[in-house]
Amino acid sequence: MTVSKPAPLPQAMHRGHLRPVTGSHPAPLQRSLRLVAQQEGLLQVHTAPYRGSFSGVFSQALRSAGLGSRVLISQFLKGGVDQGLERSVWLCGRLQWLRPAVACCLAEPPVAEANGTAEANRVAVEEVWEYTREQLLGGQLDLLVLDELGLAVQLGYLPEHEVMDALEERPSHLDVILTGPSMPPALLAMADQVTQLRRGF
């Protein structure tokens, strides 16, 4: 009677390591193993019937910047500090805070006036939007906060279709938070999450 000896184990198995066998998996499975999950950004809306939904989101943005995220906050209708693009504020070295160069907070549509103030206000808001849009599409941001963007659209400072197109084209990893008292239905329909603040509950 002949007793055959088992084939010797490969050296890698003697050391307790496993070695993949070439061609042991079908091609589709091999391709799926190479995929890397990427974080998907969210479009969130924080709204309230009054101006006041920004403060909680600001603390979240500041915390994110402190942890190393690149953050942009754009407040489209807040004025009174004559800031503009040239004098934006930087916090934590990673958070840029931008307001238009207007004399006061804007609450009315840009109706033509003899002194040209309304037109100057409209141009100042558009400058903030153009810079914000460039940053939004550039892919360098981790978090973008758009304060009173919906109200700027409703009052006629910014065209809704342009805002919608930019948000549709945003990088997939980017988190965007919209705050303010007014949100067009189209923006609400795009949102992954809507938070409504109420008083008296």
N, C-alpha and C. Protein backbone atom coordinates (compact mmCIF):
# COMPACT_ATOMS: atom_id res chain seq x y z
N MET A 1 0.85 -1.19 0.00
CA MET A 1 0.00 0.00 0.00
C MET A 1 0.88 1.23 0.00
N THR A 2 0.59 2.14 -0.88
CA THR A 2 1.41 3.34 -1.00
C THR A 2 0.70 4.51 -0.33
N VAL A 3 1.43 5.17 0.53
CA VAL A 3 0.88 6.36 1.22
C VAL A 3 1.53 7.58 0.61
N SER A 4 0.68 8.47 0.08
CA SER A 4 1.25 9.67 -0.53
C SER A 4 1.35 10.78 0.52
N LYS A 5 2.44 11.54 0.44
CA LYS A 5 2.65 12.65 1.37
C LYS A 5 1.88 13.87 0.87
N PRO A 6 1.31 14.64 1.80
CA PRO A 6 0.63 15.87 1.35
C PRO A 6 1.64 16.85 0.78
N ALA A 7 1.17 17.63 -0.15
CA ALA A 7 2.06 18.63 -0.76
C ALA A 7 2.48 19.64 0.29
N PRO A 8 3.74 20.06 0.26
CA PRO A 8 4.21 21.03 1.25
C PRO A 8 3.46 22.35 1.12
N LEU A 9 3.20 22.99 2.27
CA LEU A 9 2.53 24.29 2.27
C LEU A 9 3.49 25.36 1.77
N PRO A 10 2.95 26.36 1.09
CA PRO A 10 3.82 27.47 0.67
C PRO A 10 4.44 28.12 1.90
N GLN A 11 5.63 28.71 1.71
CA GLN A 11 6.35 29.30 2.83
C GLN A 11 5.53 30.37 3.53
N ALA A 12 4.75 31.15 2.79
CA ALA A 12 3.95 32.21 3.40
C ALA A 12 2.95 31.66 4.39
N MET A 13 2.40 30.46 4.12
CA MET A 13 1.41 29.88 5.02
C MET A 13 2.06 29.33 6.28
N HIS A 14 3.32 28.89 6.19
CA HIS A 14 4.01 28.43 7.38
C HIS A 14 4.16 29.57 8.39
N ARG A 15 4.28 30.80 7.89
CA ARG A 15 4.46 31.93 8.80
C ARG A 15 3.12 32.46 9.31
N GLY A 16 2.04 31.83 8.93
CA GLY A 16 0.73 32.27 9.40
C GLY A 16 0.11 33.37 8.57
N HIS A 17 0.63 33.61 7.37
CA HIS A 17 0.09 34.65 6.50
C HIS A 17 -0.69 34.01 5.37
N LEU A 18 -1.69 34.70 4.94
CA LEU A 18 -2.44 34.24 3.77
C LEU A 18 -2.02 35.06 2.57
N ARG A 19 -1.97 34.43 1.45
CA ARG A 19 -1.57 35.10 0.22
C ARG A 19 -2.68 34.90 -0.80
N PRO A 20 -3.16 36.01 -1.43
CA PRO A 20 -4.24 35.85 -2.41
C PRO A 20 -3.78 35.01 -3.59
N VAL A 21 -4.70 34.19 -4.08
CA VAL A 21 -4.41 33.34 -5.23
C VAL A 21 -4.85 34.09 -6.48
N THR A 22 -3.96 34.23 -7.42
CA THR A 22 -4.25 34.96 -8.64
C THR A 22 -5.36 34.27 -9.42
N GLY A 23 -6.35 35.07 -9.83
CA GLY A 23 -7.41 34.54 -10.65
C GLY A 23 -8.47 33.79 -9.88
N SER A 24 -8.48 33.88 -8.54
CA SER A 24 -9.46 33.12 -7.76
C SER A 24 -10.81 33.82 -7.69
N HIS A 25 -10.86 35.13 -8.03
CA HIS A 25 -12.12 35.86 -7.99
C HIS A 25 -12.51 36.27 -9.40
N PRO A 26 -13.78 36.29 -9.67
CA PRO A 26 -14.20 36.78 -10.98
C PRO A 26 -13.87 38.26 -11.13
N ALA A 27 -13.73 38.69 -12.34
CA ALA A 27 -13.33 40.07 -12.61
C ALA A 27 -14.21 41.12 -11.96
N PRO A 28 -15.55 40.99 -11.96
CA PRO A 28 -16.38 42.03 -11.32
C PRO A 28 -16.07 42.20 -9.85
N LEU A 29 -15.81 41.11 -9.13
CA LEU A 29 -15.51 41.21 -7.71
C LEU A 29 -14.17 41.90 -7.50
N GLN A 30 -13.19 41.61 -8.33
CA GLN A 30 -11.91 42.26 -8.21
C GLN A 30 -12.04 43.76 -8.41
N ARG A 31 -12.87 44.18 -9.35
CA ARG A 31 -13.06 45.61 -9.57
C ARG A 31 -13.73 46.24 -8.37
N SER A 32 -14.70 45.58 -7.74
CA SER A 32 -15.42 46.18 -6.62
C SER A 32 -14.53 46.35 -5.40
N LEU A 33 -13.49 45.51 -5.28
CA LEU A 33 -12.59 45.62 -4.14
C LEU A 33 -11.74 46.88 -4.22
N ARG A 34 -11.61 47.43 -5.40
CA ARG A 34 -10.78 48.63 -5.57
C ARG A 34 -11.56 49.91 -5.28
N LEU A 35 -12.87 49.83 -5.17
CA LEU A 35 -13.67 51.03 -4.93
C LEU A 35 -13.46 51.53 -3.51
N VAL A 36 -13.37 52.85 -3.37
CA VAL A 36 -13.19 53.47 -2.07
C VAL A 36 -14.40 54.34 -1.80
N ALA A 37 -15.04 54.11 -0.66
CA ALA A 37 -16.22 54.90 -0.31
C ALA A 37 -15.82 56.35 -0.05
N GLN A 38 -16.55 57.28 -0.63
CA GLN A 38 -16.29 58.70 -0.43
C GLN A 38 -17.47 59.32 0.31
N GLN A 39 -17.14 60.28 1.19
CA GLN A 39 -18.18 60.95 1.95
C GLN A 39 -19.03 61.81 1.01
N GLU A 40 -20.32 61.71 1.17
CA GLU A 40 -21.24 62.50 0.35
C GLU A 40 -21.74 63.69 1.13
N GLY A 41 -21.57 64.88 0.56
CA GLY A 41 -22.01 66.10 1.23
C GLY A 41 -23.53 66.23 1.22
N LEU A 42 -24.04 66.99 2.19
CA LEU A 42 -25.48 67.21 2.33
C LEU A 42 -25.82 68.67 2.06
N LEU A 43 -27.02 68.89 1.54
CA LEU A 43 -27.59 70.23 1.42
C LEU A 43 -28.64 70.35 2.51
N GLN A 44 -28.36 71.20 3.50
CA GLN A 44 -29.25 71.37 4.64
C GLN A 44 -29.86 72.76 4.62
N VAL A 45 -31.07 72.87 5.12
CA VAL A 45 -31.77 74.15 5.24
C VAL A 45 -32.16 74.34 6.70
N HIS A 46 -31.78 75.47 7.26
CA HIS A 46 -32.22 75.87 8.60
C HIS A 46 -33.02 77.16 8.42
N THR A 47 -34.31 77.09 8.65
CA THR A 47 -35.15 78.24 8.38
C THR A 47 -36.03 78.57 9.58
N ALA A 48 -36.49 79.80 9.62
CA ALA A 48 -37.36 80.28 10.70
C ALA A 48 -38.17 81.44 10.14
N PRO A 49 -39.36 81.71 10.73
CA PRO A 49 -40.16 82.84 10.26
C PRO A 49 -39.56 84.19 10.66
N TYR A 50 -38.49 84.17 11.41
CA TYR A 50 -37.82 85.39 11.86
C TYR A 50 -36.33 85.25 11.54
N ARG A 51 -35.62 86.33 11.55
CA ARG A 51 -34.18 86.28 11.32
C ARG A 51 -33.52 85.78 12.61
N GLY A 52 -32.94 84.59 12.57
CA GLY A 52 -32.34 84.07 13.79
C GLY A 52 -31.88 82.63 13.66
N SER A 53 -31.87 82.09 12.46
CA SER A 53 -31.47 80.69 12.28
C SER A 53 -29.97 80.55 12.03
N PHE A 54 -29.24 81.66 12.05
CA PHE A 54 -27.83 81.63 11.68
C PHE A 54 -26.90 81.28 12.84
N SER A 55 -27.22 81.71 14.05
CA SER A 55 -26.26 81.63 15.15
C SER A 55 -25.84 80.20 15.47
N GLY A 56 -26.79 79.25 15.48
CA GLY A 56 -26.44 77.86 15.76
C GLY A 56 -25.56 77.26 14.68
N VAL A 57 -25.84 77.61 13.43
CA VAL A 57 -25.04 77.11 12.32
C VAL A 57 -23.64 77.72 12.35
N PHE A 58 -23.54 78.98 12.78
CA PHE A 58 -22.23 79.62 12.87
C PHE A 58 -21.31 78.88 13.84
N SER A 59 -21.84 78.48 14.99
CA SER A 59 -21.01 77.75 15.95
C SER A 59 -20.54 76.41 15.37
N GLN A 60 -21.41 75.76 14.60
CA GLN A 60 -21.02 74.50 13.93
C GLN A 60 -19.90 74.75 12.92
N ALA A 61 -20.01 75.84 12.17
CA ALA A 61 -19.00 76.17 11.17
C ALA A 61 -17.66 76.49 11.83
N LEU A 62 -17.71 77.22 12.94
CA LEU A 62 -16.48 77.58 13.65
C LEU A 62 -15.80 76.34 14.22
N ARG A 63 -16.59 75.42 14.73
CA ARG A 63 -16.04 74.17 15.26
C ARG A 63 -15.40 73.35 14.13
N SER A 64 -16.05 73.30 12.98
CA SER A 64 -15.49 72.56 11.84
C SER A 64 -14.15 73.14 11.40
N ALA A 65 -14.08 74.48 11.36
CA ALA A 65 -12.83 75.12 10.98
C ALA A 65 -11.74 74.82 11.99
N GLY A 66 -12.09 74.82 13.28
CA GLY A 66 -11.12 74.51 14.32
C GLY A 66 -10.58 73.10 14.21
N LEU A 67 -11.36 72.20 13.60
CA LEU A 67 -10.93 70.82 13.42
C LEU A 67 -10.22 70.59 12.09
N GLY A 68 -10.04 71.68 11.32
CA GLY A 68 -9.25 71.56 10.10
C GLY A 68 -10.00 71.66 8.80
N SER A 69 -11.33 71.85 8.84
CA SER A 69 -12.10 71.96 7.60
C SER A 69 -11.97 73.37 7.01
N ARG A 70 -12.05 73.46 5.71
CA ARG A 70 -12.05 74.75 5.02
C ARG A 70 -13.50 75.20 4.89
N VAL A 71 -13.81 76.37 5.48
CA VAL A 71 -15.20 76.82 5.60
C VAL A 71 -15.34 78.24 5.03
N LEU A 72 -16.44 78.46 4.33
CA LEU A 72 -16.81 79.81 3.89
C LEU A 72 -18.22 80.11 4.38
N ILE A 73 -18.38 81.26 5.03
CA ILE A 73 -19.69 81.76 5.42
C ILE A 73 -19.96 83.02 4.60
N SER A 74 -21.04 83.02 3.86
CA SER A 74 -21.44 84.20 3.08
C SER A 74 -22.80 84.66 3.57
N GLN A 75 -22.83 85.90 4.08
CA GLN A 75 -24.09 86.51 4.51
C GLN A 75 -24.45 87.56 3.47
N PHE A 76 -25.54 87.32 2.76
CA PHE A 76 -25.83 88.12 1.58
C PHE A 76 -26.51 89.45 1.86
N LEU A 77 -27.23 89.56 2.96
CA LEU A 77 -28.00 90.79 3.22
C LEU A 77 -27.59 91.48 4.50
N LYS A 78 -26.57 90.98 5.19
CA LYS A 78 -26.10 91.61 6.42
C LYS A 78 -25.08 92.68 6.07
N GLY A 79 -25.31 93.88 6.57
CA GLY A 79 -24.40 94.99 6.30
C GLY A 79 -24.10 95.77 7.56
N GLY A 80 -23.63 97.00 7.37
CA GLY A 80 -23.34 97.86 8.50
C GLY A 80 -21.89 97.88 8.92
N VAL A 81 -21.08 96.96 8.40
CA VAL A 81 -19.66 96.94 8.77
C VAL A 81 -18.77 97.27 7.57
N ASP A 82 -19.41 97.58 6.43
CA ASP A 82 -18.68 97.97 5.22
C ASP A 82 -17.55 96.98 4.91
N GLN A 83 -17.91 95.72 4.88
CA GLN A 83 -16.88 94.69 4.75
C GLN A 83 -16.49 94.46 3.29
N GLY A 84 -17.34 93.80 2.55
CA GLY A 84 -17.03 93.52 1.15
C GLY A 84 -15.95 92.47 0.99
N LEU A 85 -15.60 92.18 -0.26
CA LEU A 85 -14.63 91.14 -0.57
C LEU A 85 -13.24 91.46 -0.01
N GLU A 86 -12.87 92.74 -0.03
CA GLU A 86 -11.51 93.11 0.37
C GLU A 86 -11.27 93.01 1.86
N ARG A 87 -12.34 93.01 2.67
CA ARG A 87 -12.16 93.02 4.12
C ARG A 87 -12.90 91.86 4.79
N SER A 88 -12.91 90.73 4.15
CA SER A 88 -13.54 89.56 4.77
C SER A 88 -12.74 89.14 6.00
N VAL A 89 -13.43 88.54 6.96
CA VAL A 89 -12.82 88.14 8.23
C VAL A 89 -12.40 86.68 8.16
N TRP A 90 -11.23 86.37 8.71
CA TRP A 90 -10.75 84.99 8.80
C TRP A 90 -10.69 84.57 10.26
N LEU A 91 -11.23 83.40 10.56
CA LEU A 91 -11.22 82.85 11.91
C LEU A 91 -10.61 81.46 11.88
N CYS A 92 -9.82 81.14 12.90
CA CYS A 92 -9.16 79.81 12.99
C CYS A 92 -8.25 79.52 11.80
N GLY A 93 -7.99 80.51 10.99
CA GLY A 93 -7.14 80.30 9.83
C GLY A 93 -7.78 79.52 8.70
N ARG A 94 -8.99 79.01 8.91
CA ARG A 94 -9.64 78.15 7.91
C ARG A 94 -11.06 78.61 7.56
N LEU A 95 -11.59 79.57 8.31
CA LEU A 95 -12.97 80.02 8.09
C LEU A 95 -12.96 81.45 7.57
N GLN A 96 -13.51 81.65 6.39
CA GLN A 96 -13.65 82.97 5.81
C GLN A 96 -15.10 83.42 5.96
N TRP A 97 -15.28 84.63 6.53
CA TRP A 97 -16.61 85.17 6.82
C TRP A 97 -16.79 86.42 5.97
N LEU A 98 -17.80 86.39 5.11
CA LEU A 98 -17.95 87.42 4.08
C LEU A 98 -19.32 88.07 4.15
N ARG A 99 -19.32 89.41 4.07
CA ARG A 99 -20.55 90.20 3.99
C ARG A 99 -20.40 91.24 2.88
N PRO A 100 -21.53 91.70 2.33
CA PRO A 100 -21.43 92.73 1.29
C PRO A 100 -21.05 94.09 1.87
N ALA A 101 -20.48 94.94 1.04
CA ALA A 101 -20.10 96.29 1.46
C ALA A 101 -21.32 97.20 1.33
N VAL A 102 -22.25 97.06 2.28
CA VAL A 102 -23.46 97.89 2.30
C VAL A 102 -23.56 98.56 3.67
N ALA A 103 -24.27 99.68 3.71
CA ALA A 103 -24.31 100.50 4.93
C ALA A 103 -25.19 99.91 6.03
N CYS A 104 -26.15 99.08 5.67
CA CYS A 104 -27.06 98.52 6.68
C CYS A 104 -27.58 97.17 6.18
N CYS A 105 -28.30 96.48 7.04
CA CYS A 105 -28.91 95.21 6.62
C CYS A 105 -29.99 95.48 5.59
N LEU A 106 -30.08 94.63 4.59
CA LEU A 106 -31.03 94.83 3.49
C LEU A 106 -32.30 94.03 3.74
N ALA A 107 -33.43 94.71 3.66
CA ALA A 107 -34.71 94.04 3.90
C ALA A 107 -35.75 94.37 2.83
N GLU A 108 -35.37 95.21 1.86
CA GLU A 108 -36.30 95.62 0.81
C GLU A 108 -35.69 95.33 -0.56
N PRO A 109 -36.55 95.15 -1.56
CA PRO A 109 -36.02 94.94 -2.93
C PRO A 109 -35.20 96.14 -3.40
N PRO A 110 -34.26 95.93 -4.31
CA PRO A 110 -33.42 97.03 -4.80
C PRO A 110 -34.16 97.91 -5.80
N VAL A 111 -35.03 98.75 -5.28
CA VAL A 111 -35.82 99.66 -6.12
C VAL A 111 -34.96 100.86 -6.49
N ALA A 112 -35.06 101.30 -7.74
CA ALA A 112 -34.23 102.41 -8.21
C ALA A 112 -34.47 103.66 -7.39
N GLU A 113 -33.37 104.30 -7.00
CA GLU A 113 -33.43 105.54 -6.23
C GLU A 113 -32.57 106.58 -6.92
N ALA A 114 -32.88 107.87 -6.61
CA ALA A 114 -32.15 108.96 -7.26
C ALA A 114 -30.67 108.95 -6.90
N ASN A 115 -30.35 108.57 -5.67
CA ASN A 115 -28.94 108.61 -5.24
C ASN A 115 -28.16 107.34 -5.62
N GLY A 116 -28.83 106.36 -6.23
CA GLY A 116 -28.14 105.16 -6.69
C GLY A 116 -27.78 104.17 -5.61
N THR A 117 -28.30 104.35 -4.39
CA THR A 117 -27.95 103.46 -3.28
C THR A 117 -28.41 102.03 -3.55
N ALA A 118 -29.63 101.88 -4.05
CA ALA A 118 -30.18 100.54 -4.30
C ALA A 118 -29.33 99.77 -5.31
N GLU A 119 -28.90 100.45 -6.35
CA GLU A 119 -28.07 99.79 -7.36
C GLU A 119 -26.72 99.39 -6.78
N ALA A 120 -26.15 100.26 -5.95
CA ALA A 120 -24.87 99.93 -5.30
C ALA A 120 -25.03 98.73 -4.38
N ASN A 121 -26.16 98.67 -3.67
CA ASN A 121 -26.42 97.52 -2.80
C ASN A 121 -26.54 96.23 -3.60
N ARG A 122 -27.25 96.31 -4.73
CA ARG A 122 -27.42 95.13 -5.57
C ARG A 122 -26.07 94.63 -6.09
N VAL A 123 -25.23 95.56 -6.51
CA VAL A 123 -23.90 95.19 -7.01
C VAL A 123 -23.06 94.55 -5.90
N ALA A 124 -23.16 95.08 -4.68
CA ALA A 124 -22.40 94.54 -3.54
C ALA A 124 -22.84 93.11 -3.23
N VAL A 125 -24.15 92.85 -3.29
CA VAL A 125 -24.65 91.49 -3.05
C VAL A 125 -24.19 90.55 -4.16
N GLU A 126 -24.23 91.03 -5.40
CA GLU A 126 -23.80 90.21 -6.53
C GLU A 126 -22.31 89.87 -6.43
N GLU A 127 -21.50 90.80 -5.93
CA GLU A 127 -20.06 90.52 -5.77
C GLU A 127 -19.84 89.38 -4.77
N VAL A 128 -20.59 89.41 -3.68
CA VAL A 128 -20.49 88.33 -2.70
C VAL A 128 -20.91 87.01 -3.34
N TRP A 129 -21.99 87.03 -4.12
CA TRP A 129 -22.46 85.81 -4.76
C TRP A 129 -21.44 85.27 -5.76
N GLU A 130 -20.87 86.14 -6.59
CA GLU A 130 -19.92 85.69 -7.60
C GLU A 130 -18.71 85.02 -6.95
N TYR A 131 -18.21 85.61 -5.88
CA TYR A 131 -17.07 85.00 -5.18
C TYR A 131 -17.49 83.68 -4.55
N THR A 132 -18.66 83.67 -3.92
CA THR A 132 -19.16 82.46 -3.27
C THR A 132 -19.37 81.34 -4.29
N ARG A 133 -19.94 81.68 -5.42
CA ARG A 133 -20.17 80.68 -6.48
C ARG A 133 -18.85 80.09 -6.96
N GLU A 134 -17.85 80.94 -7.13
CA GLU A 134 -16.53 80.47 -7.56
C GLU A 134 -15.94 79.49 -6.55
N GLN A 135 -16.07 79.81 -5.26
CA GLN A 135 -15.56 78.94 -4.21
C GLN A 135 -16.38 77.64 -4.14
N LEU A 136 -17.68 77.75 -4.32
CA LEU A 136 -18.57 76.59 -4.27
C LEU A 136 -18.20 75.56 -5.33
N LEU A 137 -17.91 76.04 -6.53
CA LEU A 137 -17.62 75.15 -7.65
C LEU A 137 -16.15 74.74 -7.71
N GLY A 138 -15.29 75.43 -6.94
CA GLY A 138 -13.86 75.19 -7.03
C GLY A 138 -13.39 73.89 -6.40
N GLY A 139 -14.18 73.33 -5.48
CA GLY A 139 -13.83 72.05 -4.90
C GLY A 139 -12.90 72.09 -3.71
N GLN A 140 -12.53 73.28 -3.23
CA GLN A 140 -11.59 73.38 -2.11
C GLN A 140 -12.29 73.47 -0.76
N LEU A 141 -13.57 73.77 -0.74
CA LEU A 141 -14.30 73.93 0.51
C LEU A 141 -14.78 72.59 1.05
N ASP A 142 -14.90 72.52 2.37
CA ASP A 142 -15.53 71.37 3.04
C ASP A 142 -16.94 71.72 3.52
N LEU A 143 -17.14 72.99 3.89
CA LEU A 143 -18.44 73.44 4.39
C LEU A 143 -18.70 74.84 3.88
N LEU A 144 -19.91 75.06 3.37
CA LEU A 144 -20.32 76.37 2.88
C LEU A 144 -21.64 76.74 3.55
N VAL A 145 -21.67 77.91 4.20
CA VAL A 145 -22.87 78.41 4.85
C VAL A 145 -23.36 79.62 4.06
N LEU A 146 -24.60 79.57 3.60
CA LEU A 146 -25.20 80.63 2.81
C LEU A 146 -26.34 81.24 3.61
N ASP A 147 -26.08 82.38 4.23
CA ASP A 147 -27.08 83.01 5.10
C ASP A 147 -27.94 83.98 4.30
N GLU A 148 -29.25 83.80 4.39
CA GLU A 148 -30.26 84.64 3.73
C GLU A 148 -30.12 84.64 2.21
N LEU A 149 -29.63 83.53 1.67
CA LEU A 149 -29.57 83.39 0.22
C LEU A 149 -30.99 83.36 -0.36
N GLY A 150 -31.88 82.60 0.30
CA GLY A 150 -33.26 82.53 -0.18
C GLY A 150 -33.94 83.88 -0.18
N LEU A 151 -33.68 84.68 0.86
CA LEU A 151 -34.28 86.01 0.94
C LEU A 151 -33.69 86.94 -0.12
N ALA A 152 -32.40 86.78 -0.42
CA ALA A 152 -31.78 87.57 -1.49
C ALA A 152 -32.41 87.25 -2.83
N VAL A 153 -32.78 85.99 -3.03
CA VAL A 153 -33.48 85.60 -4.26
C VAL A 153 -34.89 86.19 -4.27
N GLN A 154 -35.60 86.05 -3.15
CA GLN A 154 -36.98 86.54 -3.08
C GLN A 154 -37.07 88.05 -3.27
N LEU A 155 -36.10 88.79 -2.75
CA LEU A 155 -36.13 90.25 -2.87
C LEU A 155 -35.64 90.74 -4.23
N GLY A 156 -35.05 89.85 -5.02
CA GLY A 156 -34.64 90.24 -6.35
C GLY A 156 -33.18 90.64 -6.50
N TYR A 157 -32.37 90.36 -5.50
CA TYR A 157 -30.94 90.68 -5.60
C TYR A 157 -30.19 89.65 -6.44
N LEU A 158 -30.66 88.40 -6.43
CA LEU A 158 -30.00 87.33 -7.16
C LEU A 158 -31.02 86.54 -7.97
N PRO A 159 -30.68 86.08 -9.17
CA PRO A 159 -31.60 85.27 -9.98
C PRO A 159 -31.69 83.83 -9.45
N GLU A 160 -32.90 83.35 -9.27
CA GLU A 160 -33.10 82.02 -8.71
C GLU A 160 -32.48 80.93 -9.57
N HIS A 161 -32.62 81.01 -10.89
CA HIS A 161 -32.10 79.94 -11.76
C HIS A 161 -30.59 79.82 -11.64
N GLU A 162 -29.90 80.95 -11.46
CA GLU A 162 -28.44 80.92 -11.33
C GLU A 162 -28.02 80.26 -10.03
N VAL A 163 -28.74 80.58 -8.96
CA VAL A 163 -28.47 79.97 -7.66
C VAL A 163 -28.71 78.47 -7.71
N MET A 164 -29.84 78.07 -8.31
CA MET A 164 -30.18 76.66 -8.40
C MET A 164 -29.13 75.89 -9.22
N ASP A 165 -28.70 76.47 -10.34
CA ASP A 165 -27.71 75.81 -11.19
C ASP A 165 -26.40 75.58 -10.43
N ALA A 166 -25.97 76.58 -9.68
CA ALA A 166 -24.71 76.45 -8.93
C ALA A 166 -24.82 75.37 -7.86
N LEU A 167 -25.93 75.32 -7.16
CA LEU A 167 -26.11 74.31 -6.12
C LEU A 167 -26.20 72.91 -6.72
N GLU A 168 -26.80 72.81 -7.90
CA GLU A 168 -26.89 71.51 -8.57
C GLU A 168 -25.50 71.01 -8.98
N GLU A 169 -24.59 71.93 -9.30
CA GLU A 169 -23.27 71.56 -9.79
C GLU A 169 -22.23 71.46 -8.67
N ARG A 170 -22.63 71.61 -7.42
CA ARG A 170 -21.65 71.61 -6.32
C ARG A 170 -20.92 70.26 -6.25
N PRO A 171 -19.67 70.26 -5.79
CA PRO A 171 -18.92 69.00 -5.62
C PRO A 171 -19.65 68.06 -4.67
N SER A 172 -19.54 66.77 -4.92
CA SER A 172 -20.32 65.79 -4.17
C SER A 172 -19.93 65.72 -2.70
N HIS A 173 -18.70 66.11 -2.36
CA HIS A 173 -18.25 66.01 -0.96
C HIS A 173 -18.65 67.21 -0.12
N LEU A 174 -19.11 68.29 -0.75
CA LEU A 174 -19.31 69.57 -0.07
C LEU A 174 -20.61 69.60 0.72
N ASP A 175 -20.52 69.98 2.00
CA ASP A 175 -21.70 70.23 2.82
C ASP A 175 -22.10 71.69 2.66
N VAL A 176 -23.38 71.92 2.35
CA VAL A 176 -23.90 73.28 2.18
C VAL A 176 -25.06 73.46 3.15
N ILE A 177 -25.03 74.56 3.89
CA ILE A 177 -26.12 74.88 4.82
C ILE A 177 -26.70 76.23 4.45
N LEU A 178 -28.00 76.26 4.20
CA LEU A 178 -28.71 77.50 3.92
C LEU A 178 -29.48 77.91 5.16
N THR A 179 -29.36 79.18 5.54
CA THR A 179 -30.10 79.69 6.69
C THR A 179 -30.87 80.93 6.28
N GLY A 180 -31.92 81.23 7.02
CA GLY A 180 -32.68 82.45 6.75
C GLY A 180 -34.17 82.26 6.88
N PRO A 181 -34.92 83.37 6.85
CA PRO A 181 -36.37 83.31 7.08
C PRO A 181 -37.19 82.95 5.85
N SER A 182 -36.57 82.97 4.68
CA SER A 182 -37.33 82.72 3.45
C SER A 182 -36.55 81.77 2.56
N MET A 183 -37.22 80.70 2.13
CA MET A 183 -36.61 79.74 1.23
C MET A 183 -37.55 79.45 0.07
N PRO A 184 -37.13 79.71 -1.16
CA PRO A 184 -37.97 79.37 -2.31
C PRO A 184 -38.28 77.87 -2.31
N PRO A 185 -39.47 77.47 -2.74
CA PRO A 185 -39.84 76.05 -2.78
C PRO A 185 -38.82 75.18 -3.53
N ALA A 186 -38.21 75.72 -4.56
CA ALA A 186 -37.23 74.93 -5.33
C ALA A 186 -36.01 74.59 -4.48
N LEU A 187 -35.59 75.51 -3.62
CA LEU A 187 -34.46 75.22 -2.74
C LEU A 187 -34.83 74.19 -1.69
N LEU A 188 -36.04 74.31 -1.15
CA LEU A 188 -36.50 73.33 -0.16
C LEU A 188 -36.58 71.94 -0.79
N ALA A 189 -36.99 71.87 -2.04
CA ALA A 189 -37.12 70.58 -2.71
C ALA A 189 -35.76 69.93 -2.93
N MET A 190 -34.71 70.72 -3.06
CA MET A 190 -33.36 70.18 -3.28
C MET A 190 -32.74 69.65 -1.99
N ALA A 191 -33.21 70.12 -0.84
CA ALA A 191 -32.53 69.87 0.43
C ALA A 191 -32.60 68.41 0.85
N ASP A 192 -31.50 67.93 1.44
CA ASP A 192 -31.48 66.60 2.06
C ASP A 192 -32.08 66.64 3.46
N GLN A 193 -32.03 67.81 4.09
CA GLN A 193 -32.56 67.95 5.44
C GLN A 193 -33.07 69.37 5.62
N VAL A 194 -34.25 69.51 6.20
CA VAL A 194 -34.84 70.83 6.48
C VAL A 194 -35.14 70.92 7.97
N THR A 195 -34.59 71.95 8.61
CA THR A 195 -34.84 72.19 10.03
C THR A 195 -35.57 73.53 10.14
N GLN A 196 -36.75 73.51 10.78
CA GLN A 196 -37.53 74.74 10.95
C GLN A 196 -37.54 75.12 12.42
N LEU A 197 -37.10 76.33 12.72
CA LEU A 197 -37.10 76.84 14.08
C LEU A 197 -38.42 77.54 14.35
N ARG A 198 -38.99 77.30 15.54
CA ARG A 198 -40.27 77.91 15.90
C ARG A 198 -40.20 78.49 17.30
N ARG A 199 -41.02 79.48 17.56
CA ARG A 199 -41.14 80.06 18.89
C ARG A 199 -42.45 79.62 19.51
N GLY A 200 -42.46 79.51 20.83
CA GLY A 200 -43.71 79.22 21.53
C GLY A 200 -44.06 77.76 21.64
N PHE A 201 -43.08 76.84 21.38
CA PHE A 201 -43.35 75.40 21.48
C PHE A 201 -42.58 74.81 22.65
